[in-house]
Protein backbone atom coordinates (compact mmCIF):
# COMPACT_ATOMS: atom_id res chain seq x y z
CA UNK A 1 -59.65 2.45 2.80
CA UNK A 2 -61.10 -0.64 1.34
CA UNK A 3 -57.94 -1.93 -0.17
CA UNK A 4 -57.61 -2.79 4.30
CA UNK A 5 -61.10 -4.54 4.90
CA UNK A 6 -60.49 -6.40 1.60
CA UNK A 7 -58.82 -9.99 2.69
CA UNK A 8 -55.76 -10.43 4.30
CA UNK A 9 -53.57 -8.24 2.05
CA UNK A 10 -54.51 -4.86 4.05
CA UNK A 11 -53.95 -6.62 7.41
CA UNK A 12 -51.33 -6.76 10.19
CA UNK A 13 -50.44 -9.94 11.77
CA UNK A 14 -49.49 -9.52 14.92
CA UNK A 15 -46.96 -12.22 16.28
CA UNK A 16 -46.22 -12.47 20.39
CA UNK A 17 -42.89 -12.31 22.00
CA UNK A 18 -43.20 -15.90 22.32
CA UNK A 19 -43.85 -16.44 18.48
CA UNK A 20 -40.92 -13.98 17.98
CA UNK A 21 -38.36 -15.71 19.88
CA UNK A 22 -38.89 -18.73 18.24
CA UNK A 23 -38.88 -17.78 14.52
CA UNK A 24 -35.54 -15.95 15.33
CA UNK A 25 -34.21 -19.30 17.41
CA UNK A 26 -33.29 -16.91 20.19
CA UNK A 27 -34.71 -16.20 23.93
CA UNK A 28 -37.94 -14.19 25.12
CA UNK A 29 -35.39 -11.82 26.95
CA UNK A 30 -33.38 -11.16 23.52
CA UNK A 31 -36.97 -9.91 21.68
CA UNK A 32 -37.94 -8.01 24.96
CA UNK A 33 -34.09 -6.30 24.71
CA UNK A 34 -34.67 -5.59 21.00
CA UNK A 35 -38.29 -3.69 21.79
CA UNK A 36 -37.11 -2.04 24.32
CA UNK A 37 -34.22 -0.88 22.85
CA UNK A 38 -36.42 0.56 20.26
CA UNK A 39 -34.09 -1.54 17.34
CA UNK A 40 -37.61 -4.14 16.47
CA UNK A 41 -41.11 -2.37 16.40
CA UNK A 42 -43.59 -3.51 18.80
CA UNK A 43 -47.58 -2.81 20.03
CA UNK A 44 -48.24 -2.77 23.46
CA UNK A 45 -52.01 -4.63 24.32
CA UNK A 46 -52.56 -4.13 27.84
CA UNK A 47 -48.59 -6.02 29.62
CA UNK A 48 -48.01 -7.49 26.75
CA UNK A 49 -46.46 -7.04 23.30
CA UNK A 50 -46.95 -7.85 19.93
CA UNK A 51 -44.96 -7.17 16.86
CA UNK A 52 -46.27 -6.81 13.59
CA UNK A 53 -44.79 -9.10 11.42
CA UNK A 54 -43.91 -6.64 8.70
CA UNK A 55 -41.46 -5.01 11.49
CA UNK A 56 -39.88 -8.41 11.92
CA UNK A 57 -39.31 -9.28 8.60
CA UNK A 58 -37.79 -5.93 7.67
CA UNK A 59 -35.73 -6.40 10.77
CA UNK A 60 -34.84 -9.37 10.03
CA UNK A 61 -33.59 -7.97 6.18
CA UNK A 62 -31.86 -5.46 7.61
CA UNK A 63 -29.82 -7.13 9.93
CA UNK A 64 -28.41 -10.13 7.58
CA UNK A 65 -25.11 -10.09 6.92
CA UNK A 66 -25.52 -12.61 3.86
CA UNK A 67 -27.25 -11.94 0.49
CA UNK A 68 -30.11 -14.01 0.83
CA UNK A 69 -29.19 -15.68 -2.62
CA UNK A 70 -25.89 -16.38 -1.15
CA UNK A 71 -27.26 -18.90 1.64
CA UNK A 72 -26.75 -22.37 -0.81
CA UNK A 73 -24.14 -21.55 -3.43
CA UNK A 74 -21.39 -21.30 -0.62
CA UNK A 75 -21.94 -24.58 1.49
CA UNK A 76 -21.12 -26.57 -1.96
CA UNK A 77 -17.62 -27.94 -0.55
CA UNK A 78 -17.80 -31.75 -1.70
């Protein structure tokens, strides 16, 4: 229990739908669709949603079609 309170390591950072949309470079409606479809976990706070940063990171990792290491290597065509 001390680990959860000690520092930012044990804390969950929640993002708004607007923040998620900006990070993913998609519309807010796309984020709402992902949340409502159950593809992107979210917590309802009043009338709005909050997405845990860890859930967004996991979603992006699982949705990646290219290995992260390969992003910089395949572009050198000159």
